[in-house]
Amino acid sequence: MRLNRMGWMALLAAAALFGNDTVRLSEAEAKKAIVSKVDPQYPQMARQMHLTGRVVVDVYIDEDGSVDKVQTLNGNALLTSAAANAVKRWKFTPFTSGGHPSKAVTSLAFDFRM
């Protein structure tokens, strides 16, 4: 991940806010660092109910780029569980802060449409 001066300043501010070992990333930055991902499966019950909507989750990423945990921020429970189960299997390029491996957190949005 290459950052300009403003990007580094944002990362340093995020590190101060979330602790020295956790960096807050934008959704765009996080998506650029995806190594492998699994798409959410549309839950059968949600399909039967013609349930659609947006799900937003916070994704906590370990120093090695694996997903540590997923926290729901917004969305229907049927859809959020599908998004969370998929994201738990994603892998990211490890992030660094100050030249050292760093944990990261980002918000990701998923749109479920039929």
C-alpha atoms as a PDB file:
ATOM      1  CA  MET A   1       0.000   0.000   0.000  1.00  0.00           C
ATOM      2  CA  ARG A   2       1.524   3.321  -1.101  1.00  0.00           C
ATOM      3  CA  LEU A   3       0.438   6.480   0.620  1.00  0.00           C
ATOM      4  CA  ASN A   4       1.088  10.152  -0.023  1.00  0.00           C
ATOM      5  CA  ARG A   5       1.810  12.603   2.775  1.00  0.00           C
ATOM      6  CA  MET A   6      -1.906  13.197   3.498  1.00  0.00           C
ATOM      7  CA  GLY A   7      -2.481   9.440   3.628  1.00  0.00           C
ATOM      8  CA  TRP A   8       0.292   8.987   6.163  1.00  0.00           C
ATOM      9  CA  MET A   9      -1.074  11.834   8.259  1.00  0.00           C
ATOM     10  CA  ALA A  10      -4.499  10.171   8.235  1.00  0.00           C
ATOM     11  CA  LEU A  11      -2.953   6.857   9.264  1.00  0.00           C
ATOM     12  CA  LEU A  12      -1.062   8.491  12.110  1.00  0.00           C
ATOM     13  CA  ALA A  13      -4.231  10.232  13.300  1.00  0.00           C
ATOM     14  CA  ALA A  14      -6.104   6.923  13.138  1.00  0.00           C
ATOM     15  CA  ALA A  15      -3.327   5.219  15.080  1.00  0.00           C
ATOM     16  CA  ALA A  16      -3.636   7.841  17.803  1.00  0.00           C
ATOM     17  CA  LEU A  17      -7.388   7.378  17.910  1.00  0.00           C
ATOM     18  CA  PHE A  18      -7.459   3.558  17.892  1.00  0.00           C
ATOM     19  CA  GLY A  19      -4.213   2.838  19.731  1.00  0.00           C
ATOM     20  CA  ASN A  20      -0.711   2.566  18.360  1.00  0.00           C
ATOM     21  CA  ASP A  21      -1.182  -0.895  16.954  1.00  0.00           C
ATOM     22  CA  THR A  22      -4.524  -0.435  15.124  1.00  0.00           C
ATOM     23  CA  VAL A  23      -5.007   1.579  11.946  1.00  0.00           C
ATOM     24  CA  ARG A  24      -8.438   2.750  10.690  1.00  0.00           C
ATOM     25  CA  LEU A  25      -8.734   2.281   6.924  1.00  0.00           C
ATOM     26  CA  SER A  26     -11.235   3.579   4.422  1.00  0.00           C
ATOM     27  CA  GLU A  27     -13.303   1.001   2.575  1.00  0.00           C
ATOM     28  CA  ALA A  28     -11.412   1.826  -0.639  1.00  0.00           C
ATOM     29  CA  GLU A  29      -8.003   1.296   1.022  1.00  0.00           C
ATOM     30  CA  ALA A  30      -9.118  -2.010   2.507  1.00  0.00           C
ATOM     31  CA  LYS A  31     -10.549  -3.253  -0.807  1.00  0.00           C
ATOM     32  CA  LYS A  32      -7.221  -2.560  -2.530  1.00  0.00           C
ATOM     33  CA  ALA A  33      -5.515  -4.830   0.019  1.00  0.00           C
ATOM     34  CA  ILE A  34      -7.814  -7.850  -0.446  1.00  0.00           C
ATOM     35  CA  VAL A  35      -5.820 -10.964  -1.311  1.00  0.00           C
ATOM     36  CA  SER A  36      -8.758 -13.389  -1.312  1.00  0.00           C
ATOM     37  CA  LYS A  37     -12.442 -13.040  -0.590  1.00  0.00           C
ATOM     38  CA  VAL A  38     -15.636 -15.041  -0.434  1.00  0.00           C
ATOM     39  CA  ASP A  39     -18.886 -13.452  -1.603  1.00  0.00           C
ATOM     40  CA  PRO A  40     -21.793 -13.594   0.838  1.00  0.00           C
ATOM     41  CA  GLN A  41     -24.408 -16.247   0.094  1.00  0.00           C
ATOM     42  CA  TYR A  42     -27.921 -14.825  -0.101  1.00  0.00           C
ATOM     43  CA  PRO A  43     -29.781 -16.590   2.731  1.00  0.00           C
ATOM     44  CA  GLN A  44     -32.604 -18.810   1.444  1.00  0.00           C
ATOM     45  CA  MET A  45     -35.070 -17.434   3.996  1.00  0.00           C
ATOM     46  CA  ALA A  46     -34.225 -13.866   2.946  1.00  0.00           C
ATOM     47  CA  ARG A  47     -34.855 -14.835  -0.691  1.00  0.00           C
ATOM     48  CA  GLN A  48     -38.210 -16.370   0.188  1.00  0.00           C
ATOM     49  CA  MET A  49     -39.156 -13.201   2.051  1.00  0.00           C
ATOM     50  CA  HIS A  50     -37.876 -11.015  -0.862  1.00  0.00           C
ATOM     51  CA  LEU A  51     -35.677  -9.283   1.697  1.00  0.00           C
ATOM     52  CA  THR A  52     -33.178  -6.803   0.308  1.00  0.00           C
ATOM     53  CA  GLY A  53     -31.000  -4.146   1.856  1.00  0.00           C
ATOM     54  CA  ARG A  54     -27.603  -2.824   2.779  1.00  0.00           C
ATOM     55  CA  VAL A  55     -25.415  -4.326   5.459  1.00  0.00           C
ATOM     56  CA  VAL A  56     -22.513  -2.439   7.032  1.00  0.00           C
ATOM     57  CA  VAL A  57     -19.930  -4.223   9.180  1.00  0.00           C
ATOM     58  CA  ASP A  58     -16.691  -3.280  10.900  1.00  0.00           C
ATOM     59  CA  VAL A  59     -13.916  -5.727  10.043  1.00  0.00           C
ATOM     60  CA  TYR A  60     -11.007  -6.139  12.461  1.00  0.00           C
ATOM     61  CA  ILE A  61      -7.870  -7.396  10.704  1.00  0.00           C
ATOM     62  CA  ASP A  62      -4.891  -9.009  12.444  1.00  0.00           C
ATOM     63  CA  GLU A  63      -1.242  -8.189  11.752  1.00  0.00           C
ATOM     64  CA  ASP A  64      -1.025 -11.157   9.358  1.00  0.00           C
ATOM     65  CA  GLY A  65      -3.961  -9.930   7.229  1.00  0.00           C
ATOM     66  CA  SER A  66      -6.540 -12.420   8.503  1.00  0.00           C
ATOM     67  CA  VAL A  67      -9.905 -11.278   9.832  1.00  0.00           C
ATOM     68  CA  ASP A  68     -10.030 -11.380  13.618  1.00  0.00           C
ATOM     69  CA  LYS A  69     -13.660 -10.362  14.098  1.00  0.00           C
ATOM     70  CA  VAL A  70     -16.623  -8.801  12.359  1.00  0.00           C
ATOM     71  CA  GLN A  71     -19.024  -6.434  14.121  1.00  0.00           C
ATOM     72  CA  THR A  72     -22.403  -5.515  12.627  1.00  0.00           C
ATOM     73  CA  LEU A  73     -23.077  -1.796  12.363  1.00  0.00           C
ATOM     74  CA  ASN A  74     -26.289  -1.790  10.331  1.00  0.00           C
ATOM     75  CA  GLY A  75     -28.623  -4.151   8.492  1.00  0.00           C
ATOM     76  CA  ASN A  76     -31.188  -6.911   8.800  1.00  0.00           C
ATOM     77  CA  ALA A  77     -30.010  -9.832  10.972  1.00  0.00           C
ATOM     78  CA  LEU A  78     -30.585 -12.418   8.218  1.00  0.00           C
ATOM     79  CA  LEU A  79     -28.404 -10.455   5.820  1.00  0.00           C
ATOM     80  CA  THR A  80     -25.766  -9.361   8.325  1.00  0.00           C
ATOM     81  CA  SER A  81     -24.992 -12.937   9.319  1.00  0.00           C
ATOM     82  CA  ALA A  82     -24.391 -13.847   5.661  1.00  0.00           C
ATOM     83  CA  ALA A  83     -22.037 -10.885   5.203  1.00  0.00           C
ATOM     84  CA  ALA A  84     -20.166 -11.585   8.453  1.00  0.00           C
ATOM     85  CA  ASN A  85     -19.721 -15.291   7.666  1.00  0.00           C
ATOM     86  CA  ALA A  86     -18.234 -14.450   4.266  1.00  0.00           C
ATOM     87  CA  VAL A  87     -15.923 -11.676   5.498  1.00  0.00           C
ATOM     88  CA  LYS A  88     -14.493 -13.916   8.224  1.00  0.00           C
ATOM     89  CA  ARG A  89     -12.912 -15.941   5.401  1.00  0.00           C
ATOM     90  CA  TRP A  90     -11.302 -12.955   3.657  1.00  0.00           C
ATOM     91  CA  LYS A  91      -7.556 -12.348   3.630  1.00  0.00           C
ATOM     92  CA  PHE A  92      -5.803  -8.985   3.303  1.00  0.00           C
ATOM     93  CA  THR A  93      -2.257  -7.885   2.594  1.00  0.00           C
ATOM     94  CA  PRO A  94      -0.835  -7.170   6.057  1.00  0.00           C
ATOM     95  CA  PHE A  95      -0.913  -3.509   7.043  1.00  0.00           C
ATOM     96  CA  THR A  96       1.902  -1.558   8.662  1.00  0.00           C
ATOM     97  CA  SER A  97       2.158   1.507  10.830  1.00  0.00           C
ATOM     98  CA  GLY A  98       5.515   3.095  11.481  1.00  0.00           C
ATOM     99  CA  GLY A  99       7.188   0.250   9.607  1.00  0.00           C
ATOM    100  CA  HIS A 100       5.764  -2.394  11.940  1.00  0.00           C
ATOM    101  CA  PRO A 101       2.955  -4.904  11.357  1.00  0.00           C
ATOM    102  CA  SER A 102      -0.316  -3.402  12.479  1.00  0.00           C
ATOM    103  CA  LYS A 103      -3.862  -4.418  13.199  1.00  0.00           C
ATOM    104  CA  ALA A 104      -6.460  -2.590  11.130  1.00  0.00           C
ATOM    105  CA  VAL A 105     -10.174  -1.902  11.193  1.00  0.00           C
ATOM    106  CA  THR A 106     -12.426  -0.870   8.328  1.00  0.00           C
ATOM    107  CA  SER A 107     -16.108  -0.584   7.557  1.00  0.00           C
ATOM    108  CA  LEU A 108     -17.439  -2.555   4.594  1.00  0.00           C
ATOM    109  CA  ALA A 109     -20.858  -2.286   2.976  1.00  0.00           C
ATOM    110  CA  PHE A 110     -22.736  -5.076   1.188  1.00  0.00           C
ATOM    111  CA  ASP A 111     -25.871  -4.629  -0.887  1.00  0.00           C
ATOM    112  CA  PHE A 112     -28.257  -7.570  -1.047  1.00  0.00           C
ATOM    113  CA  ARG A 113     -30.543  -7.294  -4.067  1.00  0.00           C
ATOM    114  CA  MET A 114     -32.706  -9.773  -5.843  1.00  0.00           C
END
